[in-house]
Amino acid sequence: MANFLSPQGPVSMKMLLEAGVHFGHQKRRWNPKMKQYIFSHRNGIHIIDLQKTLRMLDTAMEFMTEMVAQGNKVLMVGTKKQAQDSIIHEANRCGAFHITTRWLGGTLTNFKTIQSRIDYLVHLEQEKAKGEFTRLTKRESLKLEDTIRRLNRHLSGIKEMTDMPGVLFVVDIGKEHIAVAEARKVGVPIVALVDSDCDPDQIDYPIPGNDDAIRSIRLVSAKMAEAVIEGHHRRLSLETEEVTNLDPVADGTEAATPEVEVAEAPEEIPEPVVEPAPTLAALEALARAHNNPS
């Protein structure tokens, strides 16, 4: 893989020009549906309107960021030689999945079958790591190692993709027409770099630009990776905010102590007045008064 630094910072018209994003294909190879994105032509080559490219790139990046912030995974696809290094580098940088060798038919429309092959690959690698291959004959061991290499060639970039991706980023929708068709069939939105010979109507978020030049592919792929990274940051921020809202002590404020209703003390019941027992002299006096009424 080539060693290169991903273009950093906001995209400018100068960056697009230096990367050759404005160069389309020969006039005779153009797709009339791209007319609205063509600025002019020079020496028989269509020149793409970079003002529209810049605007549509910003729109695509914001969409990508929002989708990732919502928890969606991104699959980056570019199997042409000029795109492979950039796609692998940027996908690894932003934590996206990638396909750069050959799109396996059914990757999206028959995902369960693809997942079974991934599971088989992971199983073989685990068995090899545990030393199980040493119990086999040399021929059997070599055969399984060859199977691992072959499966990794096509599946290494999606080995951890346990569910359908939420977004597809594609370089050269002509070459990747099967991937585009499958994504449209299952309803996965597509962001793509579309050249002057492409049909932009197939793409949800087209980015008009040169899909053949390495520098052009590198620039647009890097911006997509930045959008994915921003989406991860935005999602993390939202999750942190939710946790903070659930824990009132986390923001430095004390949790309010619930008021306890204090029952009023019952009224005091007066103790009964107990008269002292009459003395013997008093009883005798009462008896005399009873016997000698006046």
Protein backbone atom coordinates (compact mmCIF):
# COMPACT_ATOMS: atom_id res chain seq x y z
CA MET A 1 0.00 0.00 0.00
CA ALA A 2 1.23 3.47 -0.84
CA ASN A 3 2.23 5.75 2.00
CA PHE A 4 0.34 9.00 1.95
CA LEU A 5 -1.26 11.56 4.23
CA SER A 6 -4.99 12.12 4.05
CA PRO A 7 -5.89 15.67 2.93
CA GLN A 8 -6.94 17.60 6.03
CA GLY A 9 -9.16 20.60 6.64
CA PRO A 10 -12.16 22.06 4.80
CA VAL A 11 -12.31 21.43 1.07
CA SER A 12 -11.50 24.42 -1.13
CA MET A 13 -11.75 25.07 -4.84
CA LYS A 14 -7.96 25.10 -4.97
CA MET A 15 -7.76 21.61 -3.45
CA LEU A 16 -10.22 20.28 -6.02
CA LEU A 17 -8.28 21.86 -8.89
CA GLU A 18 -4.92 20.56 -7.67
CA ALA A 19 -6.37 17.06 -7.35
CA GLY A 20 -7.74 17.18 -10.90
CA VAL A 21 -11.30 16.59 -9.76
CA HIS A 22 -12.58 18.77 -12.62
CA PHE A 23 -11.35 16.54 -15.45
CA GLY A 24 -14.09 14.40 -16.95
CA HIS A 25 -13.99 11.96 -19.86
CA GLN A 26 -13.89 12.60 -23.58
CA LYS A 27 -17.00 14.30 -24.94
CA ARG A 28 -18.00 11.24 -26.96
CA ARG A 29 -18.12 9.13 -23.77
CA TRP A 30 -20.31 11.43 -21.71
CA ASN A 31 -23.68 10.59 -20.21
CA PRO A 32 -26.26 13.29 -21.09
CA LYS A 33 -27.68 13.03 -17.57
CA MET A 34 -24.45 14.66 -16.35
CA LYS A 35 -25.09 17.79 -18.43
CA GLN A 36 -26.08 19.90 -15.42
CA TYR A 37 -22.68 19.21 -13.82
CA ILE A 38 -20.56 20.04 -16.89
CA PHE A 39 -18.97 23.49 -16.94
CA SER A 40 -17.31 23.38 -20.38
CA HIS A 41 -14.93 21.27 -22.45
CA ARG A 42 -11.27 21.62 -23.34
CA ASN A 43 -9.39 19.66 -25.99
CA GLY A 44 -12.31 17.29 -26.29
CA ILE A 45 -12.45 16.65 -22.54
CA HIS A 46 -15.43 17.65 -20.41
CA ILE A 47 -14.68 19.99 -17.52
CA ILE A 48 -16.81 19.42 -14.43
CA ASP A 49 -18.33 22.39 -12.61
CA LEU A 50 -16.37 22.43 -9.35
CA GLN A 51 -18.74 24.86 -7.66
CA LYS A 52 -21.41 22.19 -7.88
CA THR A 53 -18.90 19.54 -6.85
CA LEU A 54 -18.01 21.54 -3.75
CA ARG A 55 -21.63 22.07 -2.79
CA MET A 56 -22.63 18.44 -3.37
CA LEU A 57 -19.57 17.16 -1.52
CA ASP A 58 -20.59 19.20 1.53
CA THR A 59 -24.13 17.82 1.30
CA ALA A 60 -22.85 14.24 1.01
CA MET A 61 -20.51 14.71 3.98
CA GLU A 62 -23.28 16.05 6.19
CA PHE A 63 -25.51 13.13 5.22
CA MET A 64 -22.72 10.67 5.98
CA THR A 65 -22.06 12.29 9.36
CA GLU A 66 -25.73 12.20 10.32
CA MET A 67 -26.13 8.55 9.32
CA VAL A 68 -23.11 7.51 11.38
CA ALA A 69 -24.32 9.61 14.32
CA GLN A 70 -27.53 7.57 14.19
CA GLY A 71 -25.52 4.36 14.54
CA ASN A 72 -25.26 3.27 10.90
CA LYS A 73 -22.16 1.51 9.55
CA VAL A 74 -20.44 2.54 6.30
CA LEU A 75 -19.16 0.26 3.54
CA MET A 76 -16.60 1.85 1.17
CA VAL A 77 -16.25 0.23 -2.26
CA GLY A 78 -13.51 0.77 -4.85
CA THR A 79 -12.08 -2.22 -6.69
CA LYS A 80 -10.28 -0.39 -9.50
CA LYS A 81 -6.52 -0.20 -9.09
CA GLN A 82 -6.46 3.59 -8.68
CA ALA A 83 -8.93 3.42 -5.78
CA GLN A 84 -7.75 0.43 -3.76
CA ASP A 85 -5.07 2.05 -1.60
CA SER A 86 -7.17 5.12 -0.82
CA ILE A 87 -10.24 3.10 0.10
CA ILE A 88 -8.31 0.74 2.38
CA HIS A 89 -6.42 3.59 4.06
CA GLU A 90 -9.47 5.79 4.64
CA ALA A 91 -11.75 2.94 5.71
CA ASN A 92 -9.21 1.84 8.31
CA ARG A 93 -8.76 5.44 9.46
CA CYS A 94 -12.46 6.02 10.11
CA GLY A 95 -13.54 2.53 11.14
CA ALA A 96 -15.59 1.74 8.03
CA PHE A 97 -15.81 -1.56 6.18
CA HIS A 98 -14.30 -1.86 2.71
CA ILE A 99 -14.26 -3.97 -0.45
CA THR A 100 -11.33 -3.41 -2.83
CA THR A 101 -10.78 -6.67 -4.71
CA ARG A 102 -14.03 -7.95 -6.14
CA TRP A 103 -17.64 -7.36 -5.23
CA LEU A 104 -19.11 -10.76 -4.43
CA GLY A 105 -22.58 -11.09 -5.87
CA GLY A 106 -25.13 -11.17 -3.08
CA THR A 107 -23.03 -9.20 -0.60
CA LEU A 108 -26.15 -7.16 0.17
CA THR A 109 -29.00 -9.09 -1.44
CA ASN A 110 -27.91 -12.45 0.01
CA PHE A 111 -26.14 -11.26 3.13
CA LYS A 112 -26.82 -14.44 5.13
CA THR A 113 -24.77 -16.51 2.68
CA ILE A 114 -21.91 -14.01 2.77
CA GLN A 115 -22.11 -14.00 6.57
CA SER A 116 -21.79 -17.80 6.63
CA ARG A 117 -18.55 -17.54 4.63
CA ILE A 118 -17.26 -14.90 7.05
CA ASP A 119 -18.13 -17.14 10.00
CA TYR A 120 -16.27 -20.01 8.33
CA LEU A 121 -13.20 -17.80 7.79
CA VAL A 122 -13.21 -16.66 11.42
CA HIS A 123 -13.58 -20.28 12.58
CA LEU A 124 -10.60 -21.42 10.49
CA GLU A 125 -8.43 -18.58 11.81
CA GLN A 126 -9.36 -19.44 15.39
CA GLU A 127 -8.56 -23.11 14.86
CA LYS A 128 -5.19 -22.21 13.34
CA ALA A 129 -4.41 -19.87 16.25
CA LYS A 130 -5.14 -22.68 18.73
CA GLY A 131 -2.71 -24.96 16.92
CA GLU A 132 -5.35 -27.33 15.62
CA PHE A 133 -3.76 -27.37 12.15
CA THR A 134 -0.71 -29.17 13.58
CA ARG A 135 -2.85 -32.26 14.10
CA LEU A 136 -3.61 -32.46 10.38
CA THR A 137 -1.50 -33.83 7.59
CA LYS A 138 0.71 -31.35 5.78
CA ARG A 139 -1.53 -31.51 2.73
CA GLU A 140 -4.70 -30.85 4.74
CA SER A 141 -3.04 -28.01 6.64
CA LEU A 142 -1.81 -26.31 3.45
CA LYS A 143 -5.24 -26.66 1.89
CA LEU A 144 -6.94 -24.92 4.82
CA GLU A 145 -4.31 -22.16 4.88
CA ASP A 146 -4.95 -21.59 1.18
CA THR A 147 -8.67 -21.35 1.94
CA ILE A 148 -7.95 -18.73 4.61
CA ARG A 149 -5.87 -16.65 2.17
CA ARG A 150 -8.52 -16.89 -0.52
CA LEU A 151 -11.37 -15.91 1.78
CA ASN A 152 -9.37 -13.08 3.32
CA ARG A 153 -8.64 -11.70 -0.13
CA HIS A 154 -12.34 -11.02 -0.65
CA LEU A 155 -13.71 -10.79 2.89
CA SER A 156 -11.01 -9.21 5.07
CA GLY A 157 -12.54 -5.75 4.73
CA ILE A 158 -15.99 -6.92 5.86
CA LYS A 159 -14.93 -9.65 8.31
CA GLU A 160 -16.47 -7.75 11.25
CA MET A 161 -19.59 -6.63 9.36
CA THR A 162 -22.24 -8.57 11.28
CA ASP A 163 -25.18 -6.64 9.82
CA MET A 164 -26.14 -4.76 6.68
CA PRO A 165 -24.33 -1.43 6.23
CA GLY A 166 -26.38 1.72 6.53
CA VAL A 167 -24.53 3.63 3.79
CA LEU A 168 -22.49 2.71 0.72
CA PHE A 169 -19.68 4.93 -0.58
CA VAL A 170 -18.64 4.02 -4.13
CA VAL A 171 -15.84 5.06 -6.47
CA ASP A 172 -16.72 4.46 -10.16
CA ILE A 173 -20.37 3.41 -10.25
CA GLY A 174 -19.84 2.00 -13.74
CA LYS A 175 -17.34 -0.58 -12.57
CA GLU A 176 -19.27 -1.16 -9.35
CA HIS A 177 -22.67 -1.43 -11.06
CA ILE A 178 -23.50 -4.68 -9.26
CA ALA A 179 -22.87 -3.08 -5.87
CA VAL A 180 -25.02 -0.10 -6.86
CA ALA A 181 -27.84 -2.36 -8.09
CA GLU A 182 -27.81 -4.42 -4.90
CA ALA A 183 -27.81 -1.33 -2.67
CA ARG A 184 -30.76 0.13 -4.57
CA LYS A 185 -32.63 -3.18 -4.31
CA VAL A 186 -32.29 -3.46 -0.53
CA GLY A 187 -32.69 0.27 0.12
CA VAL A 188 -29.18 1.16 1.25
CA PRO A 189 -28.46 4.83 0.37
CA ILE A 190 -25.47 5.46 -1.89
CA VAL A 191 -22.88 8.23 -1.84
CA ALA A 192 -20.62 8.11 -4.89
CA LEU A 193 -17.98 9.91 -6.91
CA VAL A 194 -19.61 10.21 -10.35
CA ASP A 195 -17.65 11.06 -13.51
CA SER A 196 -18.97 12.59 -16.73
CA ASP A 197 -19.79 9.14 -18.15
CA CYS A 198 -22.00 8.12 -15.19
CA ASP A 199 -25.74 8.11 -14.55
CA PRO A 200 -26.20 10.27 -11.43
CA ASP A 201 -29.88 9.31 -11.14
CA GLN A 202 -28.84 5.97 -9.62
CA ILE A 203 -27.13 7.70 -6.71
CA ASP A 204 -28.74 9.28 -3.65
CA TYR A 205 -25.83 11.66 -3.03
CA PRO A 206 -23.70 12.04 -6.19
CA ILE A 207 -20.41 13.94 -6.07
CA PRO A 208 -19.48 15.08 -9.61
CA GLY A 209 -15.77 14.51 -10.18
CA ASN A 210 -12.93 12.58 -11.72
CA ASP A 211 -13.17 8.92 -10.66
CA ASP A 212 -9.96 7.86 -12.46
CA ALA A 213 -7.22 10.09 -11.05
CA ILE A 214 -5.62 8.80 -7.85
CA ARG A 215 -5.41 12.26 -6.27
CA SER A 216 -9.07 12.96 -6.97
CA ILE A 217 -10.14 9.63 -5.47
CA ARG A 218 -7.86 10.17 -2.49
CA LEU A 219 -9.28 13.61 -1.76
CA VAL A 220 -12.94 12.63 -1.94
CA SER A 221 -12.36 9.39 -0.01
CA ALA A 222 -10.53 11.33 2.71
CA LYS A 223 -13.44 13.75 3.05
CA MET A 224 -15.86 10.85 3.39
CA ALA A 225 -13.66 9.38 6.12
CA GLU A 226 -13.65 12.72 7.94
CA ALA A 227 -17.45 12.78 7.76
CA VAL A 228 -17.59 9.28 9.27
CA ILE A 229 -15.22 10.29 12.07
CA GLU A 230 -17.32 13.37 12.80
CA GLY A 231 -20.37 11.12 12.95
CA HIS A 232 -18.70 8.93 15.57
CA HIS A 233 -17.84 12.02 17.63
CA ARG A 234 -21.38 13.34 17.34
CA ARG A 235 -22.84 10.01 18.43
CA LEU A 236 -20.48 9.81 21.41
CA SER A 237 -21.43 13.34 22.41
CA LEU A 238 -25.14 12.49 22.27
CA GLU A 239 -24.63 9.36 24.36
CA THR A 240 -22.63 11.30 26.95
CA GLU A 241 -25.34 13.95 27.11
CA GLU A 242 -28.01 11.30 27.68
CA VAL A 243 -26.03 9.76 30.54
CA THR A 244 -25.52 13.19 32.09
CA ASN A 245 -29.23 13.93 31.94
CA LEU A 246 -29.99 10.63 33.68
CA ASP A 247 -27.50 11.33 36.51
CA PRO A 248 -28.19 14.72 38.20
CA VAL A 249 -25.04 14.41 40.34
CA ALA A 250 -22.85 14.16 37.22
CA ASP A 251 -23.23 17.85 36.37
CA GLY A 252 -22.26 19.02 39.87
CA THR A 253 -25.78 19.56 41.21
CA GLU A 254 -26.99 17.64 44.20
CA ALA A 255 -30.00 15.48 43.78
CA ALA A 256 -33.05 17.02 45.45
CA THR A 257 -33.95 15.26 48.70
CA PRO A 258 -37.60 14.24 48.65
CA GLU A 259 -39.65 15.97 51.33
CA VAL A 260 -40.91 13.65 54.03
CA GLU A 261 -44.34 14.50 55.31
CA VAL A 262 -44.26 14.70 59.11
CA ALA A 263 -47.45 13.55 60.75
CA GLU A 264 -48.91 15.89 63.36
CA ALA A 265 -48.71 14.69 66.96
CA PRO A 266 -52.06 13.43 68.26
CA GLU A 267 -53.89 15.62 70.76
CA GLU A 268 -53.11 14.77 74.36
CA ILE A 269 -55.87 12.92 76.16
CA PRO A 270 -56.29 14.30 79.70
CA GLU A 271 -55.63 11.76 82.37
CA PRO A 272 -58.69 10.95 84.50
CA VAL A 273 -58.76 12.61 87.90
CA VAL A 274 -58.69 9.93 90.57
CA GLU A 275 -60.21 11.11 93.84
CA PRO A 276 -58.47 9.90 97.00
CA ALA A 277 -60.13 7.09 98.91
CA PRO A 278 -62.30 8.40 101.86
CA THR A 279 -60.76 8.12 105.31
CA LEU A 280 -62.29 6.12 108.17
CA ALA A 281 -63.33 9.31 110.00
CA ALA A 282 -65.12 10.56 106.92
CA LEU A 283 -67.04 7.30 106.52
CA GLU A 284 -68.16 7.45 110.18
CA ALA A 285 -69.34 11.02 109.77
CA LEU A 286 -71.41 10.03 106.69
CA ALA A 287 -72.95 7.16 108.64
CA ARG A 288 -73.99 9.42 111.54
CA ALA A 289 -75.51 11.90 109.16
CA HIS A 290 -77.53 9.14 107.49
CA ASN A 291 -78.87 7.77 110.83
CA ASN A 292 -79.73 11.17 112.31
CA PRO A 293 -81.32 13.21 109.57
CA SER A 294 -82.18 16.74 110.73
